[in-house]
N, C-alpha and C. Protein backbone atom coordinates (compact mmCIF):
# COMPACT_ATOMS: atom_id res chain seq x y z
N MET A 1 0.84 -1.19 0.00
CA MET A 1 0.00 0.00 0.00
C MET A 1 0.88 1.25 0.00
N GLY A 2 1.94 1.20 0.79
CA GLY A 2 2.87 2.32 0.83
C GLY A 2 3.50 2.58 -0.52
N ASP A 3 3.86 1.51 -1.22
CA ASP A 3 4.45 1.67 -2.56
C ASP A 3 3.47 2.31 -3.53
N LEU A 4 2.21 1.97 -3.41
CA LEU A 4 1.19 2.52 -4.28
C LEU A 4 1.06 4.03 -4.07
N ILE A 5 1.07 4.44 -2.81
CA ILE A 5 0.95 5.86 -2.50
C ILE A 5 2.17 6.62 -3.02
N MET A 6 3.35 6.05 -2.81
CA MET A 6 4.58 6.70 -3.29
C MET A 6 4.57 6.81 -4.82
N THR A 7 4.13 5.80 -5.50
CA THR A 7 4.05 5.82 -6.96
C THR A 7 3.07 6.90 -7.41
N LEU A 8 1.93 7.01 -6.71
CA LEU A 8 0.93 8.01 -7.03
C LEU A 8 1.48 9.42 -6.81
N VAL A 9 2.16 9.64 -5.69
CA VAL A 9 2.75 10.95 -5.39
C VAL A 9 3.79 11.31 -6.45
N ASN A 10 4.68 10.38 -6.81
CA ASN A 10 5.67 10.63 -7.86
C ASN A 10 5.01 10.93 -9.20
N TRP A 11 3.97 10.21 -9.52
CA TRP A 11 3.27 10.43 -10.78
C TRP A 11 2.67 11.83 -10.83
N ILE A 12 2.03 12.24 -9.70
CA ILE A 12 1.44 13.58 -9.63
C ILE A 12 2.55 14.64 -9.68
N GLY A 13 3.66 14.40 -8.98
CA GLY A 13 4.77 15.36 -8.95
C GLY A 13 5.39 15.59 -10.31
N ASN A 14 5.33 14.63 -11.19
CA ASN A 14 5.91 14.76 -12.52
C ASN A 14 5.00 15.50 -13.49
N ARG A 15 3.81 15.90 -13.09
CA ARG A 15 2.85 16.57 -13.97
C ARG A 15 3.04 18.09 -13.90
N SER A 16 2.43 18.77 -14.83
CA SER A 16 2.52 20.24 -14.86
C SER A 16 1.69 20.80 -13.71
N LEU A 17 1.90 22.07 -13.39
CA LEU A 17 1.21 22.73 -12.29
C LEU A 17 -0.30 22.72 -12.54
N HIS A 18 -0.69 22.96 -13.76
CA HIS A 18 -2.10 22.95 -14.13
C HIS A 18 -2.73 21.58 -13.85
N THR A 19 -2.08 20.52 -14.27
CA THR A 19 -2.59 19.15 -14.07
C THR A 19 -2.62 18.81 -12.58
N ARG A 20 -1.56 19.21 -11.85
CA ARG A 20 -1.53 18.92 -10.41
C ARG A 20 -2.67 19.64 -9.68
N LEU A 21 -2.97 20.89 -10.06
CA LEU A 21 -4.07 21.62 -9.43
C LEU A 21 -5.42 20.93 -9.68
N ILE A 22 -5.60 20.46 -10.88
CA ILE A 22 -6.85 19.75 -11.20
C ILE A 22 -6.93 18.46 -10.39
N ILE A 23 -5.86 17.72 -10.31
CA ILE A 23 -5.86 16.46 -9.54
C ILE A 23 -6.13 16.74 -8.07
N TYR A 24 -5.46 17.78 -7.51
CA TYR A 24 -5.68 18.10 -6.09
C TYR A 24 -7.12 18.58 -5.86
N PHE A 25 -7.67 19.35 -6.81
CA PHE A 25 -9.06 19.79 -6.70
C PHE A 25 -10.00 18.59 -6.67
N VAL A 26 -9.75 17.64 -7.55
CA VAL A 26 -10.59 16.44 -7.60
C VAL A 26 -10.50 15.70 -6.27
N ILE A 27 -9.28 15.55 -5.76
CA ILE A 27 -9.10 14.84 -4.50
C ILE A 27 -9.77 15.58 -3.36
N VAL A 28 -9.59 16.91 -3.30
CA VAL A 28 -10.13 17.70 -2.19
C VAL A 28 -11.64 17.89 -2.32
N ALA A 29 -12.19 18.00 -3.51
CA ALA A 29 -13.61 18.28 -3.68
C ALA A 29 -14.45 17.03 -3.87
N ILE A 30 -14.06 16.17 -4.77
CA ILE A 30 -14.89 15.02 -5.13
C ILE A 30 -14.91 13.95 -4.04
N VAL A 31 -13.78 13.64 -3.46
CA VAL A 31 -13.73 12.58 -2.45
C VAL A 31 -14.62 12.92 -1.26
N PRO A 32 -14.57 14.15 -0.68
CA PRO A 32 -15.51 14.45 0.42
C PRO A 32 -16.97 14.39 -0.01
N ILE A 33 -17.24 14.81 -1.25
CA ILE A 33 -18.63 14.74 -1.74
C ILE A 33 -19.08 13.28 -1.81
N LEU A 34 -18.23 12.42 -2.28
CA LEU A 34 -18.57 10.99 -2.33
C LEU A 34 -18.78 10.42 -0.93
N ILE A 35 -17.94 10.81 0.00
CA ILE A 35 -18.08 10.31 1.38
C ILE A 35 -19.38 10.82 1.99
N VAL A 36 -19.66 12.12 1.84
CA VAL A 36 -20.90 12.69 2.38
C VAL A 36 -22.11 12.04 1.70
N GLY A 37 -22.05 11.84 0.40
CA GLY A 37 -23.15 11.20 -0.32
C GLY A 37 -23.40 9.78 0.17
N PHE A 38 -22.33 9.02 0.37
CA PHE A 38 -22.47 7.65 0.85
C PHE A 38 -23.07 7.62 2.25
N VAL A 39 -22.57 8.49 3.13
CA VAL A 39 -23.07 8.53 4.51
C VAL A 39 -24.54 8.95 4.51
N SER A 40 -24.89 9.99 3.74
CA SER A 40 -26.29 10.44 3.73
C SER A 40 -27.21 9.38 3.11
N TYR A 41 -26.74 8.70 2.09
CA TYR A 41 -27.52 7.62 1.48
C TYR A 41 -27.77 6.51 2.50
N THR A 42 -26.73 6.12 3.22
CA THR A 42 -26.85 5.05 4.20
C THR A 42 -27.82 5.44 5.31
N LEU A 43 -27.69 6.67 5.83
CA LEU A 43 -28.59 7.12 6.89
C LEU A 43 -30.03 7.24 6.40
N SER A 44 -30.20 7.79 5.20
CA SER A 44 -31.55 7.93 4.64
C SER A 44 -32.19 6.57 4.41
N MET A 45 -31.41 5.64 3.90
CA MET A 45 -31.93 4.29 3.67
C MET A 45 -32.37 3.65 4.99
N LYS A 46 -31.59 3.85 6.03
CA LYS A 46 -31.94 3.29 7.34
C LYS A 46 -33.23 3.91 7.87
N ILE A 47 -33.37 5.23 7.75
CA ILE A 47 -34.57 5.91 8.23
C ILE A 47 -35.79 5.47 7.43
N ILE A 48 -35.66 5.40 6.11
CA ILE A 48 -36.78 4.98 5.26
C ILE A 48 -37.19 3.54 5.59
N LYS A 49 -36.22 2.70 5.80
CA LYS A 49 -36.50 1.30 6.13
C LYS A 49 -37.26 1.21 7.46
N GLU A 50 -36.82 1.97 8.46
CA GLU A 50 -37.50 1.96 9.77
C GLU A 50 -38.92 2.47 9.64
N ARG A 51 -39.10 3.57 8.89
CA ARG A 51 -40.45 4.14 8.72
C ARG A 51 -41.35 3.18 7.96
N ALA A 52 -40.80 2.52 6.95
CA ALA A 52 -41.59 1.55 6.19
C ALA A 52 -42.02 0.39 7.09
N MET A 53 -41.13 -0.05 7.96
CA MET A 53 -41.48 -1.13 8.88
C MET A 53 -42.56 -0.67 9.86
N GLN A 54 -42.43 0.56 10.37
CA GLN A 54 -43.45 1.09 11.28
C GLN A 54 -44.80 1.20 10.57
N PHE A 55 -44.78 1.73 9.36
CA PHE A 55 -46.01 1.88 8.59
C PHE A 55 -46.64 0.52 8.31
N SER A 56 -45.82 -0.44 7.93
CA SER A 56 -46.34 -1.79 7.66
C SER A 56 -46.96 -2.39 8.90
N GLN A 57 -46.31 -2.22 10.04
CA GLN A 57 -46.84 -2.75 11.29
C GLN A 57 -48.16 -2.07 11.65
N GLN A 58 -48.24 -0.76 11.45
CA GLN A 58 -49.48 -0.05 11.73
C GLN A 58 -50.60 -0.53 10.80
N MET A 59 -50.27 -0.76 9.53
CA MET A 59 -51.28 -1.25 8.59
C MET A 59 -51.78 -2.64 8.99
N VAL A 60 -50.85 -3.50 9.37
CA VAL A 60 -51.23 -4.86 9.79
C VAL A 60 -52.10 -4.78 11.05
N ASP A 61 -51.72 -3.94 12.00
CA ASP A 61 -52.52 -3.79 13.22
C ASP A 61 -53.91 -3.25 12.91
N GLN A 62 -53.98 -2.27 12.00
CA GLN A 62 -55.27 -1.69 11.64
C GLN A 62 -56.17 -2.73 10.95
N VAL A 63 -55.61 -3.46 10.01
CA VAL A 63 -56.40 -4.48 9.31
C VAL A 63 -56.84 -5.58 10.27
N ALA A 64 -55.94 -5.97 11.17
CA ALA A 64 -56.30 -7.00 12.16
C ALA A 64 -57.44 -6.50 13.05
N GLY A 65 -57.40 -5.24 13.43
CA GLY A 65 -58.48 -4.66 14.23
C GLY A 65 -59.79 -4.64 13.47
N GLU A 66 -59.73 -4.28 12.19
CA GLU A 66 -60.95 -4.26 11.37
C GLU A 66 -61.52 -5.66 11.19
N ILE A 67 -60.65 -6.63 11.01
CA ILE A 67 -61.12 -8.02 10.88
C ILE A 67 -61.73 -8.49 12.19
N ASP A 68 -61.09 -8.16 13.31
CA ASP A 68 -61.65 -8.52 14.61
C ASP A 68 -63.04 -7.91 14.79
N ASN A 69 -63.19 -6.63 14.43
CA ASN A 69 -64.49 -5.97 14.55
C ASN A 69 -65.52 -6.60 13.63
N LEU A 70 -65.11 -6.96 12.41
CA LEU A 70 -66.04 -7.61 11.49
C LEU A 70 -66.50 -8.96 12.04
N LEU A 71 -65.57 -9.74 12.56
CA LEU A 71 -65.95 -11.05 13.11
C LEU A 71 -66.82 -10.89 14.36
N LEU A 72 -66.51 -9.91 15.19
CA LEU A 72 -67.33 -9.66 16.38
C LEU A 72 -68.73 -9.23 15.97
N ASP A 73 -68.83 -8.33 14.98
CA ASP A 73 -70.15 -7.91 14.50
C ASP A 73 -70.90 -9.08 13.86
N THR A 74 -70.17 -9.94 13.17
CA THR A 74 -70.80 -11.13 12.57
C THR A 74 -71.38 -12.02 13.66
N TYR A 75 -70.62 -12.21 14.72
CA TYR A 75 -71.10 -13.03 15.84
C TYR A 75 -72.32 -12.38 16.49
N LYS A 76 -72.26 -11.05 16.69
CA LYS A 76 -73.38 -10.34 17.32
C LYS A 76 -74.65 -10.44 16.49
N VAL A 77 -74.52 -10.20 15.18
CA VAL A 77 -75.70 -10.23 14.34
C VAL A 77 -76.23 -11.66 14.20
N SER A 78 -75.35 -12.63 14.19
CA SER A 78 -75.80 -14.02 14.14
C SER A 78 -76.59 -14.36 15.40
N THR A 79 -76.11 -13.90 16.53
CA THR A 79 -76.82 -14.12 17.80
C THR A 79 -78.16 -13.38 17.77
N MET A 80 -78.15 -12.18 17.21
CA MET A 80 -79.39 -11.40 17.12
C MET A 80 -80.43 -12.13 16.27
N VAL A 81 -79.99 -12.68 15.14
CA VAL A 81 -80.90 -13.43 14.28
C VAL A 81 -81.38 -14.70 14.98
N ALA A 82 -80.46 -15.39 15.64
CA ALA A 82 -80.80 -16.65 16.29
C ALA A 82 -81.75 -16.45 17.47
N GLU A 83 -81.69 -15.30 18.12
CA GLU A 83 -82.53 -15.06 19.30
C GLU A 83 -83.76 -14.21 19.01
N ASP A 84 -83.97 -13.83 17.76
CA ASP A 84 -85.12 -13.00 17.41
C ASP A 84 -86.40 -13.82 17.59
N PRO A 85 -87.36 -13.33 18.39
CA PRO A 85 -88.59 -14.10 18.67
C PRO A 85 -89.43 -14.36 17.41
N THR A 86 -89.49 -13.41 16.50
CA THR A 86 -90.27 -13.60 15.28
C THR A 86 -89.69 -14.74 14.44
N ILE A 87 -88.39 -14.74 14.33
CA ILE A 87 -87.72 -15.79 13.55
C ILE A 87 -87.86 -17.14 14.25
N GLN A 88 -87.65 -17.16 15.55
CA GLN A 88 -87.74 -18.41 16.30
C GLN A 88 -89.14 -19.02 16.23
N GLN A 89 -90.15 -18.16 16.26
CA GLN A 89 -91.53 -18.66 16.19
C GLN A 89 -91.75 -19.43 14.88
N VAL A 90 -91.27 -18.87 13.78
CA VAL A 90 -91.44 -19.53 12.48
C VAL A 90 -90.61 -20.81 12.40
N LEU A 91 -89.39 -20.76 12.93
CA LEU A 91 -88.51 -21.92 12.83
C LEU A 91 -89.00 -23.11 13.66
N ARG A 92 -89.75 -22.84 14.70
CA ARG A 92 -90.23 -23.93 15.58
C ARG A 92 -91.51 -24.59 15.07
N GLN A 93 -92.11 -24.01 14.06
CA GLN A 93 -93.34 -24.59 13.51
C GLN A 93 -93.00 -25.53 12.36
N PRO A 94 -93.85 -26.52 12.11
CA PRO A 94 -93.62 -27.37 10.95
C PRO A 94 -93.81 -26.56 9.66
N MET A 95 -93.17 -27.01 8.62
CA MET A 95 -93.25 -26.33 7.32
C MET A 95 -94.68 -26.38 6.81
N GLU A 96 -95.19 -25.26 6.38
CA GLU A 96 -96.54 -25.17 5.83
C GLU A 96 -96.61 -25.95 4.52
N THR A 97 -97.66 -26.70 4.34
CA THR A 97 -97.86 -27.40 3.07
C THR A 97 -98.57 -26.50 2.07
N ASN A 98 -99.33 -25.54 2.58
CA ASN A 98 -100.04 -24.59 1.73
C ASN A 98 -99.02 -23.56 1.22
N VAL A 99 -98.92 -23.43 -0.09
CA VAL A 99 -97.93 -22.56 -0.72
C VAL A 99 -98.17 -21.10 -0.36
N SER A 100 -99.43 -20.67 -0.31
CA SER A 100 -99.70 -19.27 0.00
C SER A 100 -99.31 -18.93 1.44
N LYS A 101 -99.51 -19.86 2.37
CA LYS A 101 -99.09 -19.62 3.76
C LYS A 101 -97.56 -19.63 3.86
N ARG A 102 -96.92 -20.50 3.08
CA ARG A 102 -95.45 -20.52 3.07
C ARG A 102 -94.91 -19.20 2.52
N TYR A 103 -95.54 -18.70 1.48
CA TYR A 103 -95.14 -17.42 0.91
C TYR A 103 -95.36 -16.28 1.91
N SER A 104 -96.45 -16.35 2.65
CA SER A 104 -96.73 -15.36 3.69
C SER A 104 -95.64 -15.38 4.77
N THR A 105 -95.16 -16.57 5.11
CA THR A 105 -94.06 -16.69 6.07
C THR A 105 -92.80 -16.06 5.52
N ASP A 106 -92.54 -16.32 4.23
CA ASP A 106 -91.38 -15.68 3.59
C ASP A 106 -91.49 -14.16 3.65
N LEU A 107 -92.70 -13.65 3.40
CA LEU A 107 -92.91 -12.21 3.43
C LEU A 107 -92.78 -11.63 4.84
N THR A 108 -92.88 -12.46 5.84
CA THR A 108 -92.68 -12.00 7.21
C THR A 108 -91.19 -12.03 7.57
N LEU A 109 -90.53 -13.13 7.25
CA LEU A 109 -89.13 -13.29 7.70
C LEU A 109 -88.12 -12.57 6.82
N ASP A 110 -88.31 -12.58 5.52
CA ASP A 110 -87.31 -11.95 4.64
C ASP A 110 -87.13 -10.46 4.96
N PRO A 111 -88.21 -9.68 5.12
CA PRO A 111 -88.01 -8.28 5.51
C PRO A 111 -87.41 -8.11 6.91
N ARG A 112 -87.74 -9.04 7.81
CA ARG A 112 -87.16 -8.97 9.16
C ARG A 112 -85.64 -9.17 9.06
N LEU A 113 -85.20 -10.12 8.27
CA LEU A 113 -83.77 -10.33 8.08
C LEU A 113 -83.12 -9.14 7.37
N THR A 114 -83.83 -8.56 6.42
CA THR A 114 -83.32 -7.37 5.72
C THR A 114 -83.17 -6.21 6.70
N TYR A 115 -84.12 -6.05 7.60
CA TYR A 115 -84.03 -4.98 8.61
C TYR A 115 -82.82 -5.20 9.52
N ILE A 116 -82.62 -6.41 9.96
CA ILE A 116 -81.46 -6.70 10.83
C ILE A 116 -80.18 -6.44 10.06
N GLN A 117 -80.13 -6.86 8.81
CA GLN A 117 -78.93 -6.63 8.00
C GLN A 117 -78.66 -5.14 7.83
N SER A 118 -79.68 -4.35 7.57
CA SER A 118 -79.49 -2.91 7.34
C SER A 118 -79.04 -2.18 8.60
N SER A 119 -79.29 -2.75 9.76
CA SER A 119 -78.88 -2.08 11.00
C SER A 119 -77.42 -2.36 11.35
N TYR A 120 -76.75 -3.16 10.56
CA TYR A 120 -75.34 -3.47 10.80
C TYR A 120 -74.49 -3.00 9.64
N ARG A 121 -73.40 -3.65 9.42
CA ARG A 121 -72.38 -3.23 8.46
C ARG A 121 -72.80 -3.40 7.00
N ASP A 122 -72.21 -2.59 6.15
CA ASP A 122 -72.42 -2.73 4.71
C ASP A 122 -71.72 -3.98 4.17
N GLU A 123 -70.72 -4.47 4.90
CA GLU A 123 -69.96 -5.63 4.43
C GLU A 123 -70.78 -6.91 4.43
N PHE A 124 -71.90 -6.91 5.18
CA PHE A 124 -72.74 -8.10 5.21
C PHE A 124 -73.59 -8.12 3.95
N PHE A 125 -73.33 -9.08 3.10
CA PHE A 125 -74.06 -9.16 1.84
C PHE A 125 -75.47 -9.68 2.05
N GLY A 126 -75.63 -10.57 3.01
CA GLY A 126 -76.95 -11.12 3.26
C GLY A 126 -76.93 -12.15 4.36
N PHE A 127 -78.09 -12.38 4.93
CA PHE A 127 -78.26 -13.42 5.95
C PHE A 127 -79.18 -14.48 5.39
N TYR A 128 -78.87 -15.71 5.73
CA TYR A 128 -79.67 -16.83 5.27
C TYR A 128 -79.98 -17.70 6.48
N VAL A 129 -81.26 -17.97 6.66
CA VAL A 129 -81.69 -18.82 7.77
C VAL A 129 -82.26 -20.09 7.15
N LEU A 130 -81.68 -21.20 7.53
CA LEU A 130 -82.14 -22.51 7.05
C LEU A 130 -82.74 -23.25 8.24
N ALA A 131 -83.99 -23.57 8.14
CA ALA A 131 -84.70 -24.19 9.26
C ALA A 131 -84.62 -25.70 9.18
N ASP A 132 -84.71 -26.34 10.33
CA ASP A 132 -84.74 -27.80 10.37
C ASP A 132 -85.97 -28.36 9.67
N ASN A 133 -87.00 -27.53 9.54
CA ASN A 133 -88.22 -27.99 8.86
C ASN A 133 -88.13 -27.83 7.34
N GLY A 134 -86.98 -27.36 6.82
CA GLY A 134 -86.79 -27.20 5.38
C GLY A 134 -86.99 -25.78 4.89
N GLY A 135 -87.40 -24.89 5.76
CA GLY A 135 -87.61 -23.49 5.36
C GLY A 135 -86.29 -22.81 5.03
N LYS A 136 -86.34 -21.91 4.05
CA LYS A 136 -85.16 -21.16 3.60
C LYS A 136 -85.54 -19.69 3.53
N TYR A 137 -84.86 -18.87 4.34
CA TYR A 137 -85.19 -17.45 4.42
C TYR A 137 -83.93 -16.63 4.18
N LYS A 138 -84.13 -15.41 3.63
CA LYS A 138 -82.95 -14.62 3.23
C LYS A 138 -83.23 -13.14 3.38
N SER A 139 -82.14 -12.35 3.40
CA SER A 139 -82.28 -10.90 3.55
C SER A 139 -81.93 -10.16 2.26
N ASN A 140 -81.72 -10.86 1.17
CA ASN A 140 -81.41 -10.19 -0.09
C ASN A 140 -82.19 -10.85 -1.23
N PHE A 141 -81.89 -10.45 -2.43
CA PHE A 141 -82.68 -10.88 -3.59
C PHE A 141 -82.19 -12.17 -4.23
N TYR A 142 -81.09 -12.76 -3.75
CA TYR A 142 -80.59 -13.98 -4.35
C TYR A 142 -81.51 -15.16 -4.07
N THR A 143 -81.55 -16.10 -4.98
CA THR A 143 -82.37 -17.29 -4.84
C THR A 143 -81.60 -18.35 -4.06
N VAL A 144 -82.24 -18.90 -3.05
CA VAL A 144 -81.62 -19.96 -2.27
C VAL A 144 -81.56 -21.21 -3.14
N LYS A 145 -80.47 -21.96 -3.02
CA LYS A 145 -80.29 -23.15 -3.85
C LYS A 145 -81.49 -24.08 -3.73
N ASN A 146 -81.82 -24.72 -4.81
CA ASN A 146 -83.06 -25.47 -4.89
C ASN A 146 -82.87 -26.96 -4.59
N TYR A 147 -82.19 -27.24 -3.52
CA TYR A 147 -82.13 -28.62 -3.02
C TYR A 147 -82.07 -28.54 -1.50
N ASP A 148 -82.25 -29.66 -0.87
CA ASP A 148 -82.31 -29.67 0.60
C ASP A 148 -80.91 -29.49 1.17
N LEU A 149 -80.65 -28.28 1.63
CA LEU A 149 -79.33 -27.94 2.15
C LEU A 149 -79.02 -28.59 3.50
N ARG A 150 -80.04 -29.16 4.13
CA ARG A 150 -79.83 -29.78 5.45
C ARG A 150 -78.94 -31.01 5.38
N TYR A 151 -78.67 -31.52 4.20
CA TYR A 151 -77.81 -32.69 4.06
C TYR A 151 -76.43 -32.34 3.55
N SER A 152 -76.15 -31.05 3.41
CA SER A 152 -74.82 -30.60 2.97
C SER A 152 -73.82 -30.79 4.10
N ASP A 153 -72.57 -31.03 3.73
CA ASP A 153 -71.52 -31.23 4.73
C ASP A 153 -71.38 -30.03 5.66
N TRP A 154 -71.41 -28.82 5.08
CA TRP A 154 -71.23 -27.62 5.90
C TRP A 154 -72.40 -27.43 6.86
N TYR A 155 -73.62 -27.77 6.42
CA TYR A 155 -74.79 -27.63 7.28
C TYR A 155 -74.71 -28.61 8.45
N LEU A 156 -74.34 -29.84 8.14
CA LEU A 156 -74.21 -30.85 9.20
C LEU A 156 -73.11 -30.48 10.20
N LYS A 157 -72.03 -29.86 9.69
CA LYS A 157 -70.95 -29.42 10.58
C LYS A 157 -71.47 -28.36 11.56
N ILE A 158 -72.30 -27.46 11.06
CA ILE A 158 -72.87 -26.42 11.92
C ILE A 158 -73.82 -27.03 12.95
N ILE A 159 -74.67 -27.91 12.49
CA ILE A 159 -75.67 -28.52 13.38
C ILE A 159 -75.00 -29.34 14.47
N ASN A 160 -73.92 -30.04 14.14
CA ASN A 160 -73.25 -30.91 15.11
C ASN A 160 -72.28 -30.18 16.03
N SER A 161 -72.13 -28.90 15.86
CA SER A 161 -71.21 -28.13 16.70
C SER A 161 -71.99 -27.35 17.76
N LYS A 162 -71.40 -27.24 18.94
CA LYS A 162 -72.02 -26.45 20.00
C LYS A 162 -71.51 -25.01 19.96
N ASP A 163 -70.43 -24.78 19.24
CA ASP A 163 -69.83 -23.46 19.13
C ASP A 163 -70.05 -22.89 17.74
N PRO A 164 -69.81 -21.59 17.59
CA PRO A 164 -69.89 -21.02 16.24
C PRO A 164 -68.90 -21.70 15.31
N VAL A 165 -69.31 -21.85 14.05
CA VAL A 165 -68.46 -22.50 13.05
C VAL A 165 -68.09 -21.44 12.01
N TRP A 166 -66.80 -21.31 11.77
CA TRP A 166 -66.30 -20.35 10.78
C TRP A 166 -65.73 -21.12 9.60
N PHE A 167 -66.04 -20.66 8.41
CA PHE A 167 -65.52 -21.28 7.20
C PHE A 167 -64.55 -20.31 6.54
N GLY A 168 -63.55 -20.86 5.90
CA GLY A 168 -62.59 -20.03 5.17
C GLY A 168 -63.20 -19.47 3.90
N THR A 169 -62.46 -18.61 3.25
CA THR A 169 -62.96 -18.03 2.01
C THR A 169 -63.08 -19.12 0.95
N HIS A 170 -64.03 -18.92 0.07
CA HIS A 170 -64.26 -19.89 -1.00
C HIS A 170 -65.00 -19.18 -2.14
N VAL A 171 -64.98 -19.77 -3.29
CA VAL A 171 -65.68 -19.22 -4.45
C VAL A 171 -67.14 -19.61 -4.36
N GLY A 172 -68.00 -18.65 -4.65
CA GLY A 172 -69.42 -18.96 -4.64
C GLY A 172 -70.00 -18.94 -3.24
N SER A 173 -71.22 -19.41 -3.13
CA SER A 173 -71.92 -19.42 -1.87
C SER A 173 -72.36 -20.82 -1.54
N PHE A 174 -72.42 -21.11 -0.25
CA PHE A 174 -72.94 -22.40 0.18
C PHE A 174 -74.45 -22.47 -0.01
N ALA A 175 -75.12 -21.33 0.18
CA ALA A 175 -76.57 -21.36 0.27
C ALA A 175 -77.34 -20.80 -0.92
N VAL A 176 -76.74 -19.90 -1.67
CA VAL A 176 -77.51 -19.26 -2.74
C VAL A 176 -76.86 -19.49 -4.10
N GLU A 177 -77.67 -19.29 -5.13
CA GLU A 177 -77.18 -19.44 -6.50
C GLU A 177 -76.33 -18.23 -6.86
N THR A 178 -75.07 -18.47 -7.17
CA THR A 178 -74.16 -17.40 -7.62
C THR A 178 -73.43 -17.87 -8.85
N VAL A 179 -72.82 -16.92 -9.53
CA VAL A 179 -72.01 -17.28 -10.70
C VAL A 179 -70.62 -17.58 -10.19
N ASP A 180 -70.14 -18.79 -10.38
CA ASP A 180 -68.81 -19.17 -9.90
C ASP A 180 -67.78 -18.96 -10.97
């Protein structure tokens, strides 16, 4: 390393005064600028990285809170539907064989479910109540699937559980006709 410096000094010393001034200017001006630039880049990168991590953590916390609130509201509204006396009265009766009386029951429960849905979040697309007697009630305009849903795997899982049952995301709906 010492030999390299001596060779560099001798090389510079053999140049004209004009060339030496330019070389010394480059050494005195450019090298500190490069050092300051590198240090500022490193510090800025560190600060940006820390802020990005903080922002990411805040976003994750916010989304987790929103999901918790959505699930809590889902549980509350499900309990509200399950404990509603009007709904329970219909669910405890045998299914009407008379079509006009069955339609009258639909006209009673569907608006009741729509009212409950409207009093909660916009994220709730609809509520569907499937009765043990075969009744199918809803809070929106979608048509409930036209087969006996009481024998579906997901329905049996709900019926056989004492606790709330949560399903993961999936394409389509378990209960209504949708375009998959």
